[in-house]
Amino acid sequence: MTSLRPPAGQEGPYAQGAYEPDGTFEAAVEQLADPLNDPLPGQHTSPWFRAEAAQADPEARQTPQAAAQGPVEPQGEWYDPEGYQRDWYGHQGPGAGPVSATVQGTAVIPDPVSGMAAPVPSAPEPAPMPAAPGPGPVRPVDEAGPVLNDETVALRTADTRRASQPTGSGTSEPAPEPQPTGGRAERRRAAKGRGRRRGEPRRAEEAETEAAEPAAPMSRLEARRAARAAKDSPAVVASRVVGEVFITFGVLMLLFVTYQLWWTNIRADQIAGRETNKIQDDWASGERSPGVFEPGQGFAIMHIPKLDVVAPIAEGISKEKVLDRGMIGHYGEGKLKTAMPSEEQGNFAVAGHRNTHGEPFRYINKLKPGDPIVVETQDAYYTYEMTSILPQTSPSNVAVIDEVPPGSGFTGPGRYITLTTCTPEFTSTYRMIVWGKMVDERPRSKGKPDALVG
């Protein structure tokens, strides 16, 4: 069907070429990206049109010419002629499509149907935006066109510039946490991380929970090897046993030394003190008289003023009954029997410990010739003076307690005293001998001798 045409010569305004050349409308339609979906003018869908950007600061985008004409009413949208042309006509090569021009603030856009240029009021050219305060870089203002910020780009992408931009303290802001893409464990960790603030370190409990991931089960052979490796080797066990034995032995030795050097002296002094008091009480009561005494029975008291020694003398040299109890023993049994102080002639020989158990003869090696040694009995005081010393001799040399001891310097019978003890100290390898000669016999009724009074 053909269109109706007026008679020749009566075309009037509808004559061919009066409105448009042939094929102009079809060419304009074919230039559209999609004739059905392409938006009509004024219904912009491009993200270039940001009403909020225009409403935020309408005065900042006025050109000097627009400012001279007067205040411009803020429009609902900011008109971008270049973006409008790109969205409407699409990307074309140079000279392929209609070109818009701006004359004194008025945009001239060709009509897509007739091809004629129609003036369209253009938006005032935006003024350069003031730089935001902060240490970030300042973008230079392009004189040829407006400066586009992040809010005027077509598509929003990841703001990598903002993530790498240094903050006020000179450090970069941390990048956003990656989204979980793995299995259940990763999603659980990501869910735990959402509750924390950005940059907040994870708690120790969360780190331990993540570290305590179930390990792969071991085979029976591997389990046996692991159990065998966890056990101590025989050498280690033996070394531990030996070490514990040595430690126990050392502790026992320390306790024994403490007992020998400290406790035995305390115990012996207590026993010797009680025995001395008992002897003095018996003398005061008159129940005891000089004569023969039983082994272990005390009958006299020895005084060595220079050594500050006061110790009871008991019958016999038994270690358990006499010497270890802090007392001085008298050689009065068997072949080692010696005279008593009250006898007119003879050698009164005694023995005592040099170390431990009261140690009454500890320092007899310090005696010098003329130092007094007093033996107190129930009836009298017998005073001896030290004459000589034998520093060391064999324990089997019993001649040192004879009536006239060899090596003592005595030439004939007399009233002598002999002190014997062990040497060197803390051993019983040898014997030390000290001899003395009686110089005074004083009855108790006359009082103490001068050696005890001074």
Protein backbone atom coordinates (compact mmCIF):
# COMPACT_ATOMS: atom_id res chain seq x y z
CA MET A 1 0.00 0.00 0.00
CA THR A 2 1.38 3.35 -0.97
CA SER A 3 0.93 6.61 0.82
CA LEU A 4 -1.42 9.24 -0.47
CA ARG A 5 0.22 12.17 -2.16
CA PRO A 6 -1.32 15.55 -2.96
CA PRO A 7 -1.73 16.57 -6.56
CA ALA A 8 1.13 18.09 -8.35
CA GLY A 9 1.59 21.67 -7.51
CA GLN A 10 -0.31 21.39 -4.22
CA GLU A 11 2.29 19.81 -2.01
CA GLY A 12 2.54 22.81 0.24
CA PRO A 13 4.33 22.12 3.42
CA TYR A 14 4.12 18.40 2.81
CA ALA A 15 6.14 18.50 -0.32
CA GLN A 16 9.10 16.16 -0.67
CA GLY A 17 12.13 17.69 0.91
CA ALA A 18 10.24 20.29 2.79
CA TYR A 19 10.63 18.44 6.10
CA GLU A 20 13.33 15.88 5.67
CA PRO A 21 15.37 14.22 2.95
CA ASP A 22 14.70 10.65 2.01
CA GLY A 23 16.17 8.02 4.41
CA THR A 24 16.99 10.46 7.20
CA PHE A 25 14.63 8.92 9.74
CA GLU A 26 15.78 5.39 8.99
CA ALA A 27 19.40 6.41 9.36
CA ALA A 28 18.69 8.07 12.70
CA VAL A 29 16.87 5.01 13.96
CA GLU A 30 19.65 2.68 12.88
CA GLN A 31 22.14 4.76 14.83
CA LEU A 32 20.40 3.92 18.10
CA ALA A 33 22.01 1.18 20.18
CA ASP A 34 18.67 -0.49 20.83
CA PRO A 35 15.55 1.19 19.41
CA LEU A 36 13.31 -0.60 21.88
CA ASN A 37 15.34 -0.13 25.06
CA ASP A 38 17.17 3.10 24.36
CA PRO A 39 15.92 5.75 26.82
CA LEU A 40 14.13 8.83 25.74
CA PRO A 41 15.68 12.24 26.34
CA GLY A 42 15.29 13.23 29.98
CA GLN A 43 15.10 9.61 31.24
CA HIS A 44 18.75 9.09 31.82
CA THR A 45 19.99 5.74 33.01
CA SER A 46 23.68 6.43 32.78
CA PRO A 47 25.57 6.60 36.09
CA TRP A 48 27.14 9.78 34.81
CA PHE A 49 24.02 11.64 35.85
CA ARG A 50 24.36 12.09 39.62
CA ALA A 51 21.66 14.29 41.06
CA GLU A 52 23.20 14.17 44.52
CA ALA A 53 26.50 15.52 43.19
CA ALA A 54 24.73 18.48 41.69
CA GLN A 55 22.59 19.09 44.74
CA ALA A 56 25.54 18.87 47.10
CA ASP A 57 27.32 21.94 45.79
CA PRO A 58 25.43 23.69 42.95
CA GLU A 59 27.34 26.95 43.34
CA ALA A 60 30.73 25.26 42.90
CA ARG A 61 29.85 24.19 39.33
CA GLN A 62 28.79 27.58 38.03
CA THR A 63 31.01 29.08 35.42
CA PRO A 64 32.06 32.70 35.56
CA GLN A 65 29.64 33.49 32.75
CA ALA A 66 26.72 31.91 34.58
CA ALA A 67 27.69 33.68 37.76
CA ALA A 68 27.62 37.01 35.91
CA GLN A 69 24.14 36.32 34.57
CA GLY A 70 22.75 35.61 38.02
CA PRO A 71 22.01 32.68 40.31
CA VAL A 72 21.05 29.49 38.52
CA GLU A 73 18.38 27.30 39.89
CA PRO A 74 19.84 23.91 40.98
CA GLN A 75 18.43 21.27 38.69
CA GLY A 76 17.55 17.78 39.70
CA GLU A 77 20.37 16.35 37.60
CA TRP A 78 23.75 17.53 36.46
CA TYR A 79 23.78 17.55 32.72
CA ASP A 80 26.91 16.08 31.14
CA PRO A 81 26.91 16.79 27.39
CA GLU A 82 29.78 14.43 26.67
CA GLY A 83 28.26 11.60 28.71
CA TYR A 84 24.85 12.29 27.12
CA GLN A 85 26.32 12.03 23.65
CA ARG A 86 28.17 8.83 24.50
CA ASP A 87 25.09 7.18 26.04
CA TRP A 88 22.73 8.35 23.26
CA TYR A 89 24.78 7.78 20.12
CA GLY A 90 27.26 5.21 21.37
CA HIS A 91 31.02 5.15 20.74
CA GLN A 92 31.75 6.24 17.14
CA GLY A 93 34.82 7.12 15.29
CA PRO A 94 35.87 10.62 14.55
CA GLY A 95 33.41 12.33 12.25
CA ALA A 96 31.05 9.33 12.10
CA GLY A 97 28.17 10.80 14.10
CA PRO A 98 26.70 14.09 14.96
CA VAL A 99 28.95 16.40 16.92
CA SER A 100 27.68 18.73 19.53
CA ALA A 101 29.02 22.18 20.07
CA THR A 102 28.73 24.70 22.82
CA VAL A 103 28.30 28.32 21.95
CA GLN A 104 28.34 30.78 24.84
CA GLY A 105 26.99 28.26 27.33
CA THR A 106 24.40 26.77 24.84
CA ALA A 107 24.92 23.23 23.62
CA VAL A 108 24.11 22.65 19.92
CA ILE A 109 23.11 19.03 19.26
CA PRO A 110 22.02 17.76 15.85
CA ASP A 111 18.51 16.44 15.69
CA PRO A 112 18.58 12.64 15.14
CA VAL A 113 15.60 12.81 12.75
CA SER A 114 16.18 15.86 10.64
CA GLY A 115 19.89 16.20 11.12
CA MET A 116 19.50 19.87 11.92
CA ALA A 117 21.31 21.40 14.82
CA ALA A 118 19.03 22.43 17.61
CA PRO A 119 20.28 24.59 20.48
CA VAL A 120 19.95 22.97 23.82
CA PRO A 121 20.74 24.85 27.00
CA SER A 122 23.89 23.37 28.50
CA ALA A 123 24.72 23.16 32.12
CA PRO A 124 27.27 25.57 33.42
CA GLU A 125 30.79 24.29 33.43
CA PRO A 126 31.62 23.04 36.90
CA ALA A 127 34.30 24.83 38.80
CA PRO A 128 37.26 22.84 40.15
CA MET A 129 36.42 21.15 43.42
CA PRO A 130 38.48 22.30 46.37
CA ALA A 131 41.00 19.77 47.57
CA ALA A 132 39.94 17.80 50.59
CA PRO A 133 42.06 18.34 53.68
CA GLY A 134 44.51 15.59 54.39
CA PRO A 135 47.94 14.31 53.48
CA GLY A 136 46.72 12.63 50.27
CA PRO A 137 47.89 13.73 46.85
CA VAL A 138 46.12 16.74 45.23
CA ARG A 139 44.87 16.12 41.70
CA PRO A 140 45.65 18.89 39.23
CA VAL A 141 42.72 20.72 37.64
CA ASP A 142 42.41 20.09 33.91
CA GLU A 143 41.77 23.32 32.11
CA ALA A 144 40.11 21.54 29.19
CA GLY A 145 37.29 20.01 31.21
CA PRO A 146 35.88 19.32 34.64
CA VAL A 147 37.63 17.09 37.10
CA LEU A 148 35.75 13.88 37.77
CA ASN A 149 35.76 12.49 41.27
CA ASP A 150 34.87 9.04 42.54
CA GLU A 151 31.15 9.85 42.55
CA THR A 152 30.98 10.71 38.79
CA VAL A 153 32.55 7.60 37.26
CA ALA A 154 30.29 5.34 35.22
CA LEU A 155 30.80 2.06 37.11
CA ARG A 156 31.85 1.65 40.72
CA THR A 157 34.90 -0.55 41.07
CA ALA A 158 37.09 -1.58 44.02
CA ASP A 159 38.52 1.56 45.53
CA THR A 160 42.15 0.47 45.31
CA ARG A 161 43.40 4.02 45.50
CA ARG A 162 41.68 4.55 48.84
CA ALA A 163 43.05 1.27 50.23
CA SER A 164 46.62 2.20 49.36
CA GLN A 165 46.32 5.87 50.28
CA PRO A 166 48.42 6.71 53.39
CA THR A 167 46.59 7.85 56.48
CA GLY A 168 47.45 10.72 58.76
CA SER A 169 49.92 8.62 60.75
CA GLY A 170 51.92 7.66 57.65
CA THR A 171 50.54 4.10 57.35
CA SER A 172 48.14 2.60 54.85
CA GLU A 173 44.66 1.52 55.78
CA PRO A 174 44.29 -2.26 55.93
CA ALA A 175 42.69 -3.92 52.93
CA PRO A 176 39.26 -5.47 53.39
CA GLU A 177 39.23 -9.01 54.68
CA PRO A 178 38.80 -11.66 51.97
CA GLN A 179 35.49 -13.44 51.81
CA PRO A 180 35.47 -17.12 52.76
CA THR A 181 35.62 -19.39 49.74
CA GLY A 182 36.69 -22.66 51.35
CA GLY A 183 34.96 -25.29 53.43
CA ARG A 184 33.17 -25.27 56.74
CA ALA A 185 36.24 -24.52 58.83
CA GLU A 186 37.08 -21.42 56.78
CA ARG A 187 33.51 -20.18 56.93
CA ARG A 188 33.48 -20.68 60.71
CA ARG A 189 36.71 -18.69 61.08
CA ALA A 190 35.30 -15.94 58.87
CA ALA A 191 32.13 -15.84 60.97
CA LYS A 192 34.22 -15.45 64.11
CA GLY A 193 36.23 -12.67 62.49
CA ARG A 194 33.14 -10.62 61.64
CA GLY A 195 32.50 -9.89 65.31
CA ARG A 196 35.88 -8.16 65.68
CA ARG A 197 36.75 -4.67 64.73
CA ARG A 198 39.02 -4.09 61.79
CA GLY A 199 42.63 -4.34 62.85
CA GLU A 200 41.75 -5.95 66.19
CA PRO A 201 44.07 -8.88 66.93
CA ARG A 202 42.60 -12.28 67.38
CA ARG A 203 42.33 -13.66 70.84
CA ALA A 204 44.64 -16.38 72.06
CA GLU A 205 41.72 -18.81 72.41
CA GLU A 206 40.83 -18.43 68.74
CA ALA A 207 44.44 -18.93 67.69
CA GLU A 208 44.69 -22.07 69.78
CA THR A 209 41.42 -23.37 68.36
CA GLU A 210 42.64 -22.86 64.83
CA ALA A 211 46.01 -24.42 65.65
CA ALA A 212 44.39 -27.45 67.29
CA GLU A 213 43.20 -28.96 64.03
CA PRO A 214 42.65 -32.68 64.07
CA ALA A 215 45.73 -34.50 62.88
CA ALA A 216 45.63 -37.47 60.57
CA PRO A 217 45.25 -40.74 62.46
CA MET A 218 48.43 -42.77 62.82
CA SER A 219 48.74 -46.38 61.88
CA ARG A 220 49.37 -49.06 64.46
CA LEU A 221 53.05 -49.27 63.54
CA GLU A 222 53.47 -45.51 63.80
CA ALA A 223 51.69 -45.47 67.16
CA ARG A 224 54.06 -48.16 68.48
CA ARG A 225 57.09 -46.24 67.27
CA ALA A 226 55.81 -43.06 68.87
CA ALA A 227 55.17 -44.83 72.18
CA ARG A 228 58.62 -46.42 72.04
CA ALA A 229 60.23 -43.08 71.34
CA ALA A 230 58.37 -41.49 74.27
CA LYS A 231 59.81 -44.03 76.71
CA ASP A 232 63.18 -43.39 78.36
CA SER A 233 66.10 -45.50 77.26
CA PRO A 234 67.78 -47.90 79.75
CA ALA A 235 70.81 -45.62 79.91
CA VAL A 236 68.66 -42.68 80.95
CA VAL A 237 66.87 -44.77 83.58
CA ALA A 238 70.18 -46.09 84.92
CA SER A 239 71.66 -42.59 85.11
CA ARG A 240 68.62 -41.39 87.00
CA VAL A 241 68.87 -44.26 89.47
CA VAL A 242 72.57 -43.67 90.01
CA GLY A 243 71.95 -39.97 90.47
CA GLU A 244 69.22 -40.60 93.04
CA VAL A 245 71.50 -43.05 94.89
CA PHE A 246 74.31 -40.51 95.04
CA ILE A 247 71.97 -37.80 96.20
CA THR A 248 70.55 -40.04 98.92
CA PHE A 249 74.04 -41.11 99.97
CA GLY A 250 75.19 -37.50 100.10
CA VAL A 251 72.23 -36.51 102.26
CA LEU A 252 72.89 -39.42 104.62
CA MET A 253 76.58 -38.52 104.88
CA LEU A 254 75.68 -34.93 105.65
CA LEU A 255 73.31 -36.07 108.37
CA PHE A 256 75.95 -38.42 109.80
CA VAL A 257 78.60 -35.72 109.89
CA THR A 258 76.16 -33.37 111.57
CA TYR A 259 75.38 -36.05 114.13
CA GLN A 260 79.03 -36.81 114.83
CA LEU A 261 80.34 -33.28 115.06
CA TRP A 262 77.42 -31.55 116.68
CA TRP A 263 74.83 -33.79 118.23
CA THR A 264 77.25 -36.22 119.96
CA ASN A 265 78.94 -33.35 121.77
CA ILE A 266 75.62 -31.99 122.96
CA ARG A 267 74.50 -35.39 124.15
CA ALA A 268 77.83 -36.21 125.83
CA ASP A 269 77.96 -32.86 127.62
CA GLN A 270 74.49 -33.50 129.02
CA ILE A 271 75.44 -36.96 130.29
CA ALA A 272 78.79 -35.80 131.71
CA GLY A 273 77.14 -32.88 133.46
CA ARG A 274 74.59 -35.13 135.14
CA GLU A 275 77.32 -37.55 136.20
CA THR A 276 79.41 -34.72 137.69
CA ASN A 277 76.44 -33.49 139.70
CA LYS A 278 75.75 -37.00 140.90
CA ILE A 279 79.33 -37.46 142.09
CA GLN A 280 79.27 -34.18 143.99
CA ASP A 281 75.94 -35.05 145.56
CA ASP A 282 77.29 -38.39 146.74
CA TRP A 283 80.32 -36.71 148.26
CA ALA A 284 78.16 -34.25 150.07
CA SER A 285 75.93 -36.99 151.47
CA GLY A 286 78.91 -39.21 152.48
CA GLU A 287 77.60 -42.27 150.64
CA ARG A 288 80.74 -42.78 148.54
CA SER A 289 84.25 -43.51 149.79
CA PRO A 290 87.57 -44.06 147.97
CA GLY A 291 88.26 -47.63 147.02
CA VAL A 292 87.44 -50.07 144.24
CA PHE A 293 84.77 -48.97 141.77
CA GLU A 294 82.65 -50.79 139.24
CA PRO A 295 83.25 -50.30 135.47
CA GLY A 296 81.51 -47.16 134.33
CA GLN A 297 81.15 -45.79 137.83
CA GLY A 298 82.34 -42.21 138.34
CA PHE A 299 84.65 -41.53 141.28
CA ALA A 300 86.61 -38.32 140.55
CA ILE A 301 86.53 -35.02 138.61
CA MET A 302 89.41 -33.69 136.43
CA HIS A 303 90.11 -29.94 136.05
CA ILE A 304 92.38 -28.50 133.36
CA PRO A 305 92.18 -24.73 133.95
CA LYS A 306 94.13 -23.77 130.82
CA LEU A 307 91.71 -25.68 128.55
CA ASP A 308 88.61 -24.90 130.66
CA VAL A 309 87.89 -28.60 131.05
CA VAL A 310 85.78 -30.05 133.87
CA ALA A 311 84.94 -33.71 133.24
CA PRO A 312 84.04 -36.72 135.43
CA ILE A 313 86.44 -39.68 135.70
CA ALA A 314 84.90 -43.17 135.60
CA GLU A 315 86.34 -46.61 136.07
CA GLY A 316 87.37 -48.40 132.87
CA ILE A 317 87.96 -47.30 129.25
CA SER A 318 84.83 -48.77 127.71
CA LYS A 319 83.84 -46.78 124.64
CA GLU A 320 80.09 -47.21 125.06
CA LYS A 321 79.87 -46.94 128.86
CA VAL A 322 82.53 -44.30 129.52
CA LEU A 323 84.26 -42.55 126.60
CA ASP A 324 81.22 -42.01 124.35
CA ARG A 325 79.33 -40.58 127.31
CA GLY A 326 81.75 -37.63 127.56
CA MET A 327 83.66 -39.01 130.58
CA ILE A 328 87.36 -39.71 131.10
CA GLY A 329 88.22 -43.39 131.59
CA HIS A 330 90.73 -44.79 134.08
CA TYR A 331 92.99 -47.69 133.07
CA GLY A 332 92.00 -49.99 135.96
CA GLU A 333 91.29 -53.42 134.37
CA GLY A 334 93.49 -56.36 133.43
CA LYS A 335 96.99 -55.79 132.09
CA LEU A 336 96.28 -52.08 131.65
CA LYS A 337 95.55 -51.53 135.35
CA THR A 338 97.22 -48.40 136.77
CA ALA A 339 97.47 -46.76 140.22
CA MET A 340 94.91 -44.45 141.83
CA PRO A 341 95.80 -40.83 142.73
CA SER A 342 95.63 -41.59 146.44
CA GLU A 343 98.40 -44.23 146.24
CA GLU A 344 101.85 -43.28 147.49
CA GLN A 345 103.54 -44.37 144.29
CA GLY A 346 102.36 -45.20 140.81
CA ASN A 347 101.17 -43.84 137.43
CA PHE A 348 97.56 -42.63 137.26
CA ALA A 349 96.73 -43.18 133.52
CA VAL A 350 93.47 -42.02 131.87
CA ALA A 351 92.00 -41.80 128.33
CA GLY A 352 89.51 -39.50 126.60
CA HIS A 353 88.13 -38.49 123.20
CA ARG A 354 89.87 -35.79 121.25
CA ASN A 355 87.00 -35.31 118.82
CA THR A 356 83.24 -35.83 119.20
CA HIS A 357 81.39 -37.21 122.23
CA GLY A 358 82.28 -34.33 124.49
CA GLU A 359 85.94 -34.26 123.30
CA PRO A 360 87.48 -33.49 126.77
CA PHE A 361 91.06 -33.97 125.42
CA ARG A 362 90.54 -31.93 122.26
CA TYR A 363 93.33 -29.42 122.95
CA ILE A 364 95.76 -31.27 125.24
CA ASN A 365 98.45 -30.74 122.60
CA LYS A 366 98.44 -27.05 123.67
CA LEU A 367 99.61 -27.83 127.21
CA LYS A 368 103.03 -26.59 128.14
CA PRO A 369 105.38 -27.80 130.89
CA GLY A 370 104.22 -26.44 134.28
CA ASP A 371 100.49 -26.20 133.32
CA PRO A 372 98.41 -27.58 136.22
CA ILE A 373 96.15 -30.64 136.00
CA VAL A 374 93.95 -31.16 139.10
CA VAL A 375 92.18 -34.40 140.06
CA GLU A 376 89.39 -33.89 142.61
CA THR A 377 88.28 -36.84 144.76
CA GLN A 378 86.00 -37.25 147.76
CA ASP A 379 88.85 -36.63 150.23
CA ALA A 380 91.45 -34.39 148.51
CA TYR A 381 92.68 -32.37 145.54
CA TYR A 382 95.69 -33.82 143.66
CA THR A 383 97.61 -31.27 141.59
CA TYR A 384 99.96 -32.34 138.76
CA GLU A 385 102.20 -30.24 136.52
CA MET A 386 102.64 -31.12 132.86
CA THR A 387 106.24 -32.21 132.18
CA SER A 388 106.45 -33.70 128.65
CA ILE A 389 104.44 -34.79 125.57
CA LEU A 390 104.73 -37.55 123.00
CA PRO A 391 102.96 -36.22 119.85
CA GLN A 392 102.47 -39.56 118.16
CA THR A 393 102.87 -43.23 118.93
CA SER A 394 101.33 -46.57 118.01
CA PRO A 395 98.07 -47.63 119.70
CA SER A 396 99.80 -50.87 120.76
CA ASN A 397 102.51 -49.02 122.72
CA VAL A 398 101.20 -49.78 126.19
CA ALA A 399 104.54 -48.94 127.80
CA VAL A 400 103.50 -45.28 127.96
CA ILE A 401 101.31 -46.12 130.98
CA ASP A 402 103.96 -48.08 132.90
CA GLU A 403 104.92 -47.11 136.43
CA VAL A 404 108.00 -45.38 135.00
CA PRO A 405 107.04 -44.67 131.33
CA PRO A 406 109.91 -44.73 128.83
CA GLY A 407 110.39 -41.44 126.99
CA SER A 408 108.62 -39.45 129.69
CA GLY A 409 111.81 -38.13 131.24
CA PHE A 410 111.09 -39.77 134.58
CA THR A 411 114.11 -41.56 136.08
CA GLY A 412 112.50 -43.47 138.89
CA PRO A 413 109.20 -44.39 140.55
CA GLY A 414 106.97 -41.56 141.69
CA ARG A 415 103.40 -40.20 141.60
CA TYR A 416 102.72 -39.53 137.92
CA ILE A 417 99.74 -38.91 135.60
CA THR A 418 99.38 -39.95 131.95
CA LEU A 419 96.79 -38.60 129.46
CA THR A 420 96.20 -40.56 126.24
CA THR A 421 94.06 -39.65 123.21
CA CYS A 422 93.76 -40.25 119.47
CA THR A 423 95.68 -38.37 116.79
CA PRO A 424 95.47 -36.88 114.20
CA GLU A 425 92.13 -35.21 114.76
CA PHE A 426 89.00 -37.04 113.63
CA THR A 427 91.01 -40.26 113.28
CA SER A 428 92.26 -43.06 115.58
CA THR A 429 95.40 -44.01 113.67
CA TYR A 430 97.86 -43.00 116.37
CA ARG A 431 97.97 -41.97 120.02
CA MET A 432 99.15 -38.75 121.68
CA ILE A 433 100.65 -38.96 125.18
CA VAL A 434 100.98 -36.20 127.84
CA TRP A 435 102.82 -36.83 131.13
CA GLY A 436 102.69 -34.95 134.43
CA LYS A 437 104.12 -35.11 137.95
CA MET A 438 102.22 -34.60 141.21
CA VAL A 439 103.28 -31.43 143.01
CA ASP A 440 100.52 -30.99 145.61
CA GLU A 441 97.98 -33.01 147.60
CA ARG A 442 95.39 -30.90 149.42
CA PRO A 443 92.58 -32.25 151.62
CA ARG A 444 89.11 -31.00 150.78
CA SER A 445 88.82 -29.62 154.30
CA LYS A 446 91.47 -27.04 153.45
CA GLY A 447 89.64 -25.79 150.43
CA LYS A 448 90.49 -25.68 146.76
CA PRO A 449 94.13 -25.48 145.57
CA ASP A 450 95.58 -22.33 144.11
CA ALA A 451 95.26 -23.70 140.54
CA LEU A 452 91.45 -23.71 140.85
CA VAL A 453 91.14 -20.53 142.87
CA GLY A 454 93.07 -18.25 140.54
